[in-house]
N, C-alpha and C. Protein backbone atom coordinates (compact mmCIF):
# COMPACT_ATOMS: atom_id res chain seq x y z
N MET A 1 35.62 68.24 -60.73
CA MET A 1 34.40 68.18 -61.50
C MET A 1 33.96 69.61 -61.81
N ALA A 2 33.69 69.87 -63.08
CA ALA A 2 33.20 71.19 -63.51
C ALA A 2 31.69 71.23 -63.34
N VAL A 3 31.22 72.17 -62.54
CA VAL A 3 29.79 72.30 -62.27
C VAL A 3 29.24 73.46 -63.08
N THR A 4 28.04 73.28 -63.60
CA THR A 4 27.37 74.36 -64.32
C THR A 4 25.96 74.52 -63.77
N LEU A 5 25.49 75.77 -63.73
CA LEU A 5 24.12 76.08 -63.34
C LEU A 5 23.35 76.28 -64.63
N ARG A 6 22.35 75.44 -64.86
CA ARG A 6 21.61 75.48 -66.12
C ARG A 6 20.18 75.02 -65.92
N LEU A 7 19.41 75.04 -67.02
CA LEU A 7 18.01 74.63 -66.96
C LEU A 7 17.88 73.16 -67.31
N ARG A 8 16.95 72.50 -66.63
CA ARG A 8 16.60 71.11 -66.90
C ARG A 8 15.14 71.10 -67.30
N ARG A 9 14.83 70.58 -68.48
CA ARG A 9 13.48 70.62 -69.01
C ARG A 9 12.58 69.59 -68.32
N THR A 10 11.37 70.03 -67.95
CA THR A 10 10.35 69.14 -67.38
C THR A 10 9.03 69.50 -68.03
N GLY A 11 8.00 68.75 -67.74
CA GLY A 11 6.68 69.05 -68.27
C GLY A 11 6.38 68.27 -69.53
N ALA A 12 5.19 68.52 -70.07
CA ALA A 12 4.72 67.81 -71.26
C ALA A 12 5.22 68.50 -72.53
N THR A 13 4.89 67.93 -73.68
CA THR A 13 5.38 68.43 -74.96
C THR A 13 5.04 69.89 -75.19
N ASN A 14 3.81 70.28 -75.05
CA ASN A 14 3.43 71.67 -75.30
C ASN A 14 3.18 72.45 -74.01
N ASP A 15 3.62 71.93 -72.91
CA ASP A 15 3.45 72.59 -71.61
C ASP A 15 4.77 72.49 -70.85
N VAL A 16 5.80 73.10 -71.39
CA VAL A 16 7.14 72.97 -70.86
C VAL A 16 7.38 73.90 -69.68
N CYS A 17 8.16 73.45 -68.74
CA CYS A 17 8.68 74.27 -67.66
C CYS A 17 10.08 73.75 -67.36
N TYR A 18 10.83 74.49 -66.58
CA TYR A 18 12.22 74.14 -66.35
C TYR A 18 12.55 74.17 -64.87
N ARG A 19 13.54 73.39 -64.48
CA ARG A 19 14.13 73.46 -63.15
C ARG A 19 15.53 74.03 -63.33
N VAL A 20 15.92 74.90 -62.43
CA VAL A 20 17.28 75.41 -62.41
C VAL A 20 18.08 74.45 -61.54
N VAL A 21 19.13 73.86 -62.12
CA VAL A 21 19.89 72.84 -61.40
C VAL A 21 21.39 73.12 -61.47
N ALA A 22 22.10 72.57 -60.50
CA ALA A 22 23.55 72.50 -60.54
C ALA A 22 23.89 71.09 -60.98
N SER A 23 24.65 70.98 -62.06
CA SER A 23 24.97 69.65 -62.57
C SER A 23 26.40 69.60 -63.07
N ASP A 24 26.89 68.38 -63.21
CA ASP A 24 28.20 68.17 -63.81
C ASP A 24 28.12 68.61 -65.27
N ARG A 25 29.10 69.32 -65.72
CA ARG A 25 29.08 69.86 -67.07
C ARG A 25 28.95 68.78 -68.15
N ARG A 26 29.44 67.58 -67.86
CA ARG A 26 29.43 66.50 -68.85
C ARG A 26 28.09 65.76 -68.93
N SER A 27 27.21 65.96 -67.96
CA SER A 27 25.94 65.23 -67.97
C SER A 27 24.98 65.84 -68.99
N PRO A 28 24.07 65.04 -69.56
CA PRO A 28 23.11 65.57 -70.53
C PRO A 28 22.12 66.55 -69.90
N ARG A 29 21.41 67.30 -70.72
CA ARG A 29 20.51 68.34 -70.24
C ARG A 29 19.52 67.82 -69.20
N ASP A 30 18.90 66.68 -69.46
CA ASP A 30 17.90 66.14 -68.54
C ASP A 30 18.44 64.97 -67.72
N GLY A 31 19.76 64.86 -67.63
CA GLY A 31 20.39 63.76 -66.90
C GLY A 31 20.55 64.06 -65.42
N LYS A 32 21.55 63.42 -64.83
CA LYS A 32 21.79 63.57 -63.40
C LYS A 32 22.15 65.01 -63.06
N PHE A 33 21.80 65.41 -61.85
CA PHE A 33 22.14 66.74 -61.37
C PHE A 33 22.53 66.65 -59.91
N LEU A 34 23.19 67.68 -59.42
CA LEU A 34 23.65 67.70 -58.04
C LEU A 34 22.62 68.28 -57.08
N GLU A 35 21.93 69.35 -57.53
CA GLU A 35 20.98 70.02 -56.64
C GLU A 35 20.00 70.85 -57.47
N VAL A 36 18.74 70.86 -57.04
CA VAL A 36 17.73 71.72 -57.65
C VAL A 36 17.80 73.08 -56.95
N LEU A 37 17.94 74.14 -57.76
CA LEU A 37 18.11 75.48 -57.20
C LEU A 37 16.89 76.37 -57.39
N GLY A 38 15.92 75.90 -58.16
CA GLY A 38 14.72 76.70 -58.39
C GLY A 38 13.97 76.21 -59.61
N TRP A 39 13.05 77.04 -60.10
CA TRP A 39 12.25 76.69 -61.26
C TRP A 39 12.01 77.92 -62.12
N TYR A 40 11.62 77.66 -63.39
CA TYR A 40 11.33 78.72 -64.35
C TYR A 40 10.20 78.23 -65.25
N ASP A 41 9.12 79.00 -65.35
CA ASP A 41 7.98 78.65 -66.20
C ASP A 41 7.76 79.78 -67.20
N PRO A 42 8.24 79.63 -68.44
CA PRO A 42 8.16 80.73 -69.42
C PRO A 42 6.74 81.10 -69.83
N LYS A 43 5.77 80.21 -69.65
CA LYS A 43 4.39 80.51 -70.06
C LYS A 43 3.62 81.30 -69.01
N ARG A 44 4.09 81.31 -67.79
CA ARG A 44 3.39 82.00 -66.70
C ARG A 44 3.62 83.50 -66.81
N SER A 45 2.58 84.27 -66.55
CA SER A 45 2.74 85.73 -66.55
C SER A 45 3.04 86.19 -65.13
N GLY A 46 3.61 87.36 -65.03
CA GLY A 46 3.99 87.87 -63.71
C GLY A 46 5.28 87.23 -63.24
N VAL A 47 5.31 86.79 -62.00
CA VAL A 47 6.50 86.12 -61.46
C VAL A 47 6.52 84.70 -62.01
N ASN A 48 7.50 84.43 -62.89
CA ASN A 48 7.53 83.13 -63.54
C ASN A 48 8.77 82.32 -63.19
N PHE A 49 9.44 82.67 -62.09
CA PHE A 49 10.60 81.89 -61.66
C PHE A 49 10.81 82.07 -60.16
N GLU A 50 11.58 81.16 -59.60
CA GLU A 50 11.96 81.25 -58.19
C GLU A 50 13.34 80.61 -58.06
N LEU A 51 14.23 81.27 -57.32
CA LEU A 51 15.59 80.75 -57.12
C LEU A 51 15.94 80.76 -55.64
N LYS A 52 16.72 79.76 -55.23
CA LYS A 52 17.30 79.76 -53.89
C LYS A 52 18.64 80.50 -54.02
N MET A 53 18.60 81.80 -53.80
CA MET A 53 19.77 82.64 -54.06
C MET A 53 20.97 82.29 -53.18
N ASP A 54 20.73 81.83 -51.96
CA ASP A 54 21.86 81.45 -51.12
C ASP A 54 22.62 80.27 -51.70
N ARG A 55 21.89 79.30 -52.25
CA ARG A 55 22.54 78.13 -52.86
C ARG A 55 23.17 78.49 -54.21
N VAL A 56 22.54 79.39 -54.95
CA VAL A 56 23.12 79.84 -56.22
C VAL A 56 24.46 80.52 -55.94
N GLN A 57 24.49 81.40 -54.95
CA GLN A 57 25.74 82.09 -54.60
C GLN A 57 26.80 81.10 -54.10
N HIS A 58 26.36 80.07 -53.39
CA HIS A 58 27.30 79.03 -52.93
C HIS A 58 27.99 78.37 -54.11
N TRP A 59 27.21 77.98 -55.11
CA TRP A 59 27.80 77.29 -56.27
C TRP A 59 28.68 78.23 -57.08
N ILE A 60 28.28 79.47 -57.24
CA ILE A 60 29.10 80.43 -57.98
C ILE A 60 30.41 80.67 -57.24
N LYS A 61 30.34 80.77 -55.92
CA LYS A 61 31.54 80.97 -55.10
C LYS A 61 32.52 79.80 -55.25
N HIS A 62 31.98 78.62 -55.47
CA HIS A 62 32.82 77.43 -55.63
C HIS A 62 33.18 77.16 -57.09
N GLY A 63 32.98 78.14 -57.97
CA GLY A 63 33.48 78.03 -59.34
C GLY A 63 32.51 77.50 -60.37
N ALA A 64 31.24 77.46 -60.09
CA ALA A 64 30.27 76.97 -61.07
C ALA A 64 30.14 77.95 -62.23
N ILE A 65 29.97 77.39 -63.41
CA ILE A 65 29.75 78.18 -64.62
C ILE A 65 28.25 78.36 -64.77
N VAL A 66 27.81 79.58 -65.09
CA VAL A 66 26.38 79.88 -65.17
C VAL A 66 25.99 80.03 -66.64
N SER A 67 24.89 79.35 -67.05
CA SER A 67 24.41 79.49 -68.42
C SER A 67 23.81 80.89 -68.62
N ASP A 68 23.65 81.29 -69.87
CA ASP A 68 23.14 82.63 -70.18
C ASP A 68 21.73 82.85 -69.61
N THR A 69 20.85 81.86 -69.77
CA THR A 69 19.48 82.01 -69.30
C THR A 69 19.42 82.08 -67.78
N VAL A 70 20.16 81.23 -67.12
CA VAL A 70 20.18 81.25 -65.65
C VAL A 70 20.79 82.57 -65.16
N ASN A 71 21.79 83.06 -65.86
CA ASN A 71 22.38 84.34 -65.49
C ASN A 71 21.35 85.47 -65.57
N SER A 72 20.52 85.45 -66.60
CA SER A 72 19.48 86.47 -66.71
C SER A 72 18.44 86.33 -65.60
N LEU A 73 18.12 85.11 -65.19
CA LEU A 73 17.20 84.90 -64.07
C LEU A 73 17.81 85.41 -62.76
N ILE A 74 19.10 85.19 -62.58
CA ILE A 74 19.78 85.68 -61.37
C ILE A 74 19.74 87.20 -61.33
N GLU A 75 19.99 87.84 -62.47
CA GLU A 75 19.95 89.30 -62.51
C GLU A 75 18.55 89.82 -62.19
N LYS A 76 17.51 89.17 -62.72
CA LYS A 76 16.13 89.58 -62.42
C LYS A 76 15.83 89.40 -60.94
N ALA A 77 16.29 88.30 -60.35
CA ALA A 77 16.05 88.04 -58.93
C ALA A 77 16.74 89.08 -58.07
N GLU A 78 17.96 89.48 -58.44
CA GLU A 78 18.68 90.49 -57.67
C GLU A 78 18.01 91.85 -57.81
N LEU A 79 17.45 92.16 -58.98
CA LEU A 79 16.74 93.42 -59.15
C LEU A 79 15.46 93.45 -58.32
N SER A 80 14.74 92.32 -58.28
CA SER A 80 13.50 92.29 -57.51
C SER A 80 13.77 92.38 -56.01
N VAL A 81 14.86 91.82 -55.54
CA VAL A 81 15.21 91.92 -54.13
C VAL A 81 15.63 93.35 -53.80
N GLY A 82 16.34 93.99 -54.72
CA GLY A 82 16.80 95.36 -54.49
C GLY A 82 15.67 96.37 -54.46
N SER A 83 14.58 96.10 -55.21
CA SER A 83 13.48 97.06 -55.27
C SER A 83 12.50 96.88 -54.10
N SER A 84 12.58 95.77 -53.37
CA SER A 84 11.66 95.54 -52.25
C SER A 84 12.06 96.28 -51.02
């Protein structure tokens, strides 16, 4: 099974937020998923996401494909950990 780390849309029509999930590549965007890895709220200022980096690294280690947006969130999370 090909696993991908991507965003799953939640929230209302004009109040969108996302969950970062590990899912089967063939499943639809808001369909079944394997595990919730965090969240992302584009409307929030300041810290607008949270990731379980240990689980993200687990899935990447096991061959998961990472979407562009999730990859940018991972890079931001690694930068914030490095600066602390």
